[in-house]
N, C-alpha and C. Protein backbone atom coordinates (compact mmCIF):
# COMPACT_ATOMS: atom_id res chain seq x y z
N MET A 1 -110.08 1.89 -0.21
CA MET A 1 -110.20 2.97 0.84
C MET A 1 -108.60 3.01 1.27
N ASN A 2 -108.06 4.31 1.68
CA ASN A 2 -106.93 4.38 2.11
C ASN A 2 -107.14 4.08 3.65
N LYS A 3 -106.04 3.22 4.23
CA LYS A 3 -106.48 2.86 5.71
C LYS A 3 -104.89 3.04 6.24
N ILE A 4 -104.95 3.27 7.70
CA ILE A 4 -103.57 3.13 8.50
C ILE A 4 -103.98 2.94 9.76
N SER A 5 -103.00 2.16 10.30
CA SER A 5 -103.38 1.70 11.81
C SER A 5 -103.11 3.19 12.68
N ALA A 6 -103.79 2.79 14.02
CA ALA A 6 -103.90 3.75 14.97
C ALA A 6 -102.33 4.13 15.38
N LYS A 7 -101.88 3.06 15.48
CA LYS A 7 -100.10 2.88 15.87
C LYS A 7 -99.65 3.66 15.26
N LYS A 8 -99.76 3.33 13.69
CA LYS A 8 -98.84 4.28 12.81
C LYS A 8 -98.98 5.56 12.91
N LEU A 9 -100.46 6.01 12.90
CA LEU A 9 -100.85 7.12 13.00
C LEU A 9 -100.10 8.00 14.07
N ALA A 10 -100.32 7.52 15.37
CA ALA A 10 -99.51 7.95 16.16
C ALA A 10 -97.97 8.28 16.29
N LYS A 11 -97.43 7.29 15.64
CA LYS A 11 -95.94 7.25 15.09
C LYS A 11 -95.71 8.55 14.55
N LEU A 12 -96.23 8.96 13.17
CA LEU A 12 -96.24 10.02 12.41
C LEU A 12 -96.58 11.55 13.31
N MET A 13 -97.45 11.45 14.09
CA MET A 13 -97.96 12.45 14.82
C MET A 13 -96.40 12.75 15.91
N ASN A 14 -96.10 11.72 16.71
CA ASN A 14 -95.08 11.89 17.30
C ASN A 14 -93.96 12.25 16.68
N ASP A 15 -93.60 12.02 15.29
CA ASP A 15 -92.32 12.23 14.63
C ASP A 15 -92.88 13.94 14.23
N GLY A 16 -93.86 14.55 14.23
CA GLY A 16 -94.02 15.98 14.11
C GLY A 16 -94.80 16.24 12.77
N GLU A 17 -95.43 15.09 12.28
CA GLU A 17 -96.20 15.25 11.31
C GLU A 17 -97.31 16.34 11.51
N LYS A 18 -97.81 17.26 10.57
CA LYS A 18 -98.96 18.04 11.00
C LYS A 18 -100.00 17.39 10.04
N LEU A 19 -101.00 16.62 11.01
CA LEU A 19 -102.20 15.77 10.28
C LEU A 19 -103.33 16.34 10.30
N ASN A 20 -104.17 16.10 9.43
CA ASN A 20 -105.78 16.48 9.53
C ASN A 20 -106.30 15.64 9.80
N VAL A 21 -106.71 15.32 11.65
CA VAL A 21 -107.45 14.15 11.98
C VAL A 21 -108.80 14.56 12.10
N ILE A 22 -109.97 13.86 11.42
CA ILE A 22 -111.27 13.92 12.10
C ILE A 22 -111.81 13.05 12.88
N ASP A 23 -112.56 13.51 14.19
CA ASP A 23 -113.16 12.33 14.87
C ASP A 23 -114.51 12.48 14.72
N VAL A 24 -114.90 11.13 13.93
CA VAL A 24 -116.43 10.91 13.81
C VAL A 24 -117.41 10.80 14.75
N ARG A 25 -116.70 10.53 16.02
CA ARG A 25 -117.75 9.70 17.21
C ARG A 25 -118.56 10.91 17.74
N GLU A 26 -119.62 10.56 18.65
CA GLU A 26 -120.50 11.34 19.24
C GLU A 26 -119.99 12.08 20.18
N ASP A 27 -120.73 13.11 21.08
CA ASP A 27 -120.13 14.21 21.46
C ASP A 27 -119.61 13.50 23.09
N ALA A 28 -120.54 12.24 23.52
CA ALA A 28 -120.32 11.70 24.70
C ALA A 28 -118.88 10.94 24.70
N GLU A 29 -118.76 10.49 23.49
CA GLU A 29 -117.71 9.52 23.46
C GLU A 29 -116.40 10.65 23.40
N VAL A 30 -116.26 11.65 22.32
CA VAL A 30 -115.36 12.62 22.28
C VAL A 30 -114.94 13.51 23.82
N ALA A 31 -116.18 13.41 24.58
CA ALA A 31 -115.91 13.97 25.99
C ALA A 31 -114.82 13.06 26.76
N MET A 32 -114.61 12.04 26.31
CA MET A 32 -113.72 10.95 27.12
C MET A 32 -112.43 11.31 26.87
N GLY A 33 -112.34 11.69 25.61
CA GLY A 33 -110.71 12.24 24.91
C GLY A 33 -110.60 12.06 23.53
N LYS A 34 -110.00 13.02 22.93
CA LYS A 34 -109.73 12.86 21.69
C LYS A 34 -108.30 13.12 21.02
N ILE A 35 -107.85 12.45 20.11
CA ILE A 35 -106.48 12.71 19.49
C ILE A 35 -106.23 14.36 19.33
N PRO A 36 -105.18 14.76 20.13
CA PRO A 36 -104.78 16.03 20.23
C PRO A 36 -104.78 16.82 18.80
N GLY A 37 -105.54 17.70 18.75
CA GLY A 37 -105.70 18.58 17.54
C GLY A 37 -106.77 17.95 16.37
N ALA A 38 -107.27 17.04 16.98
CA ALA A 38 -108.52 16.60 15.83
C ALA A 38 -109.74 17.54 15.96
N THR A 39 -110.05 17.35 14.87
CA THR A 39 -111.66 18.25 14.53
C THR A 39 -112.84 17.17 14.73
N HIS A 40 -113.41 17.56 15.92
CA HIS A 40 -114.79 16.77 15.87
C HIS A 40 -115.71 16.97 14.90
N ILE A 41 -116.56 15.97 14.27
CA ILE A 41 -117.49 16.11 13.25
C ILE A 41 -117.99 14.79 13.27
N PRO A 42 -119.39 14.86 14.35
CA PRO A 42 -119.92 13.55 14.23
C PRO A 42 -120.57 12.93 12.59
N LEU A 43 -120.34 11.67 12.66
CA LEU A 43 -120.78 10.87 11.58
C LEU A 43 -122.02 11.63 10.71
N GLY A 44 -123.18 11.91 11.57
CA GLY A 44 -124.30 12.14 11.09
C GLY A 44 -124.09 13.73 10.53
N GLN A 45 -123.33 14.50 10.89
CA GLN A 45 -122.99 15.85 10.47
C GLN A 45 -122.42 15.73 9.47
N ILE A 46 -121.42 14.91 8.86
CA ILE A 46 -120.49 14.90 7.92
C ILE A 46 -121.33 15.67 6.32
N PRO A 47 -122.36 15.13 6.10
CA PRO A 47 -122.93 15.63 4.99
C PRO A 47 -123.22 17.24 4.91
N GLU A 48 -123.62 17.51 5.97
CA GLU A 48 -123.74 19.20 6.30
C GLU A 48 -122.91 20.16 6.39
N ARG A 49 -121.71 19.53 6.86
CA ARG A 49 -120.53 20.08 7.19
C ARG A 49 -119.55 19.91 6.13
N VAL A 50 -119.66 18.98 5.00
CA VAL A 50 -118.55 18.76 4.24
C VAL A 50 -118.01 19.90 3.43
N GLU A 51 -118.62 21.20 3.27
CA GLU A 51 -117.93 22.13 3.10
C GLU A 51 -116.83 22.97 3.64
N GLU A 52 -116.76 22.63 5.04
CA GLU A 52 -115.76 22.70 6.04
C GLU A 52 -114.32 22.08 5.53
N LEU A 53 -114.37 21.41 4.84
CA LEU A 53 -113.17 20.71 4.70
C LEU A 53 -112.46 21.10 3.23
N ASP A 54 -111.39 20.93 2.94
CA ASP A 54 -110.56 21.55 1.79
C ASP A 54 -110.02 20.09 1.16
N LYS A 55 -110.63 19.91 -0.13
CA LYS A 55 -110.18 18.92 -1.08
C LYS A 55 -108.78 18.91 -1.22
N ALA A 56 -107.99 19.92 -1.29
CA ALA A 56 -106.73 19.91 -1.43
C ALA A 56 -105.85 19.38 -0.09
N LYS A 57 -106.43 18.96 1.05
CA LYS A 57 -105.97 18.34 2.08
C LYS A 57 -106.04 16.86 2.15
N GLU A 58 -105.15 16.23 3.11
CA GLU A 58 -105.55 14.76 3.29
C GLU A 58 -105.93 14.84 4.73
N TYR A 59 -107.14 13.99 4.91
CA TYR A 59 -107.61 13.96 6.10
C TYR A 59 -107.69 12.64 6.50
N TYR A 60 -107.45 12.41 8.26
CA TYR A 60 -107.63 10.79 8.70
C TYR A 60 -108.65 10.97 9.61
N LEU A 61 -109.68 9.97 9.47
CA LEU A 61 -110.75 9.98 9.82
C LEU A 61 -110.81 8.81 10.97
N VAL A 62 -111.32 9.15 12.12
CA VAL A 62 -111.41 7.95 13.39
C VAL A 62 -112.65 8.19 14.17
N CYS A 63 -112.86 6.82 14.81
CA CYS A 63 -113.80 6.89 15.36
C CYS A 63 -113.55 5.67 16.49
N MET A 64 -114.50 5.04 17.16
CA MET A 64 -114.28 4.04 18.05
C MET A 64 -113.52 3.17 17.75
N SER A 65 -114.00 2.35 16.50
CA SER A 65 -113.02 1.10 16.22
C SER A 65 -112.63 1.31 14.78
N GLY A 66 -113.27 1.77 13.65
CA GLY A 66 -112.72 1.79 12.52
C GLY A 66 -113.98 1.84 11.62
N GLY A 67 -115.39 1.41 12.12
CA GLY A 67 -116.44 1.56 11.03
C GLY A 67 -117.23 2.67 10.68
N ARG A 68 -117.46 3.31 11.88
CA ARG A 68 -118.02 4.50 11.22
C ARG A 68 -117.18 5.50 10.44
N SER A 69 -115.71 5.49 11.20
CA SER A 69 -114.94 6.14 9.95
C SER A 69 -114.81 6.16 8.69
N GLY A 70 -114.80 4.48 8.52
CA GLY A 70 -114.88 4.07 7.36
C GLY A 70 -116.16 4.23 6.58
N LYS A 71 -117.16 4.65 7.15
CA LYS A 71 -118.47 5.32 6.20
C LYS A 71 -118.22 6.34 5.91
N ALA A 72 -117.63 7.31 6.78
CA ALA A 72 -117.45 8.80 6.54
C ALA A 72 -116.53 8.76 5.47
N CYS A 73 -115.19 7.84 5.13
CA CYS A 73 -114.32 7.73 4.23
C CYS A 73 -115.14 7.63 2.86
N GLN A 74 -115.53 6.42 3.10
CA GLN A 74 -116.66 6.33 1.40
C GLN A 74 -117.15 7.42 1.10
N PHE A 75 -117.93 7.87 1.87
CA PHE A 75 -118.82 9.42 1.70
C PHE A 75 -118.05 10.46 0.92
N LEU A 76 -117.02 10.47 1.90
CA LEU A 76 -116.34 11.90 1.57
C LEU A 76 -115.34 11.68 -0.03
N ALA A 77 -114.73 10.32 -0.09
CA ALA A 77 -114.05 9.69 -1.04
C ALA A 77 -114.99 10.00 -2.18
N SER A 78 -116.43 9.56 -2.04
CA SER A 78 -117.13 9.83 -3.48
C SER A 78 -117.46 11.32 -3.73
N GLN A 79 -116.90 12.23 -2.68
CA GLN A 79 -117.37 13.58 -3.02
C GLN A 79 -115.83 14.27 -3.41
N GLY A 80 -114.63 13.58 -3.59
CA GLY A 80 -113.76 14.22 -4.30
C GLY A 80 -112.56 14.43 -2.93
N TYR A 81 -112.46 13.90 -1.75
CA TYR A 81 -112.00 14.15 -0.81
C TYR A 81 -110.73 13.16 -0.48
N ASN A 82 -109.73 13.74 0.04
CA ASN A 82 -108.56 12.66 -0.03
C ASN A 82 -108.48 12.10 1.52
N VAL A 83 -109.20 10.95 1.69
CA VAL A 83 -109.10 10.58 3.13
C VAL A 83 -108.92 9.29 3.52
N THR A 84 -108.16 9.09 4.56
CA THR A 84 -107.82 7.68 4.85
C THR A 84 -108.42 7.37 6.35
N ASN A 85 -108.84 5.86 6.29
CA ASN A 85 -109.42 5.55 7.69
C ASN A 85 -108.41 4.85 8.62
N VAL A 86 -108.60 5.43 9.75
CA VAL A 86 -107.92 4.72 11.10
C VAL A 86 -108.21 3.64 11.51
N THR A 87 -107.70 2.55 11.06
CA THR A 87 -108.26 1.08 11.48
C THR A 87 -107.88 0.78 12.82
N GLY A 88 -109.03 0.24 13.71
CA GLY A 88 -108.76 -0.09 14.78
C GLY A 88 -109.17 1.20 16.06
N GLY A 89 -109.13 2.31 15.10
CA GLY A 89 -109.97 3.43 15.69
C GLY A 89 -109.09 4.07 17.15
N MET A 90 -110.27 4.44 18.11
CA MET A 90 -109.67 4.82 19.47
C MET A 90 -109.27 3.82 20.29
N MET A 91 -109.84 2.52 19.84
CA MET A 91 -110.02 1.40 20.76
C MET A 91 -108.18 1.01 20.73
N SER A 92 -107.84 1.18 19.45
CA SER A 92 -106.36 0.94 19.23
C SER A 92 -105.43 2.03 19.56
N TRP A 93 -105.79 3.21 20.07
CA TRP A 93 -105.06 4.34 19.99
C TRP A 93 -104.22 4.48 21.41
N ASN A 94 -103.02 4.54 21.42
CA ASN A 94 -102.04 4.57 22.36
C ASN A 94 -101.32 5.83 22.69
N GLY A 95 -101.78 7.12 22.19
CA GLY A 95 -101.28 8.03 21.95
C GLY A 95 -101.79 9.19 23.32
N GLU A 96 -101.38 10.29 22.96
CA GLU A 96 -101.72 11.19 23.81
C GLU A 96 -103.41 11.42 23.60
N LEU A 97 -104.32 12.03 24.86
CA LEU A 97 -105.52 12.25 24.64
C LEU A 97 -105.53 13.90 24.95
N GLU A 98 -106.64 14.56 24.25
CA GLU A 98 -106.83 15.76 24.87
C GLU A 98 -108.35 16.01 25.52
């Protein structure tokens, strides 16, 4: 599984990279703030919403600490998607929030 640290992801975004971030946390967690521009798809909805994603794009998946996003990455990779898990998740995120 591809992995990237939250710190490195923040640097890429600060450098102007246009990245596809998917936040797999639950609604109450996302209400406390999410990475700017991130798409919110709770982990339990990934299988039913997988058609919203484009297999030609790369996605960075984030949760609170990296566990749920890791599970989402495993599932999506098995479906042929290009995904990277954000290790440390939002607990390690030091960038902006929206």
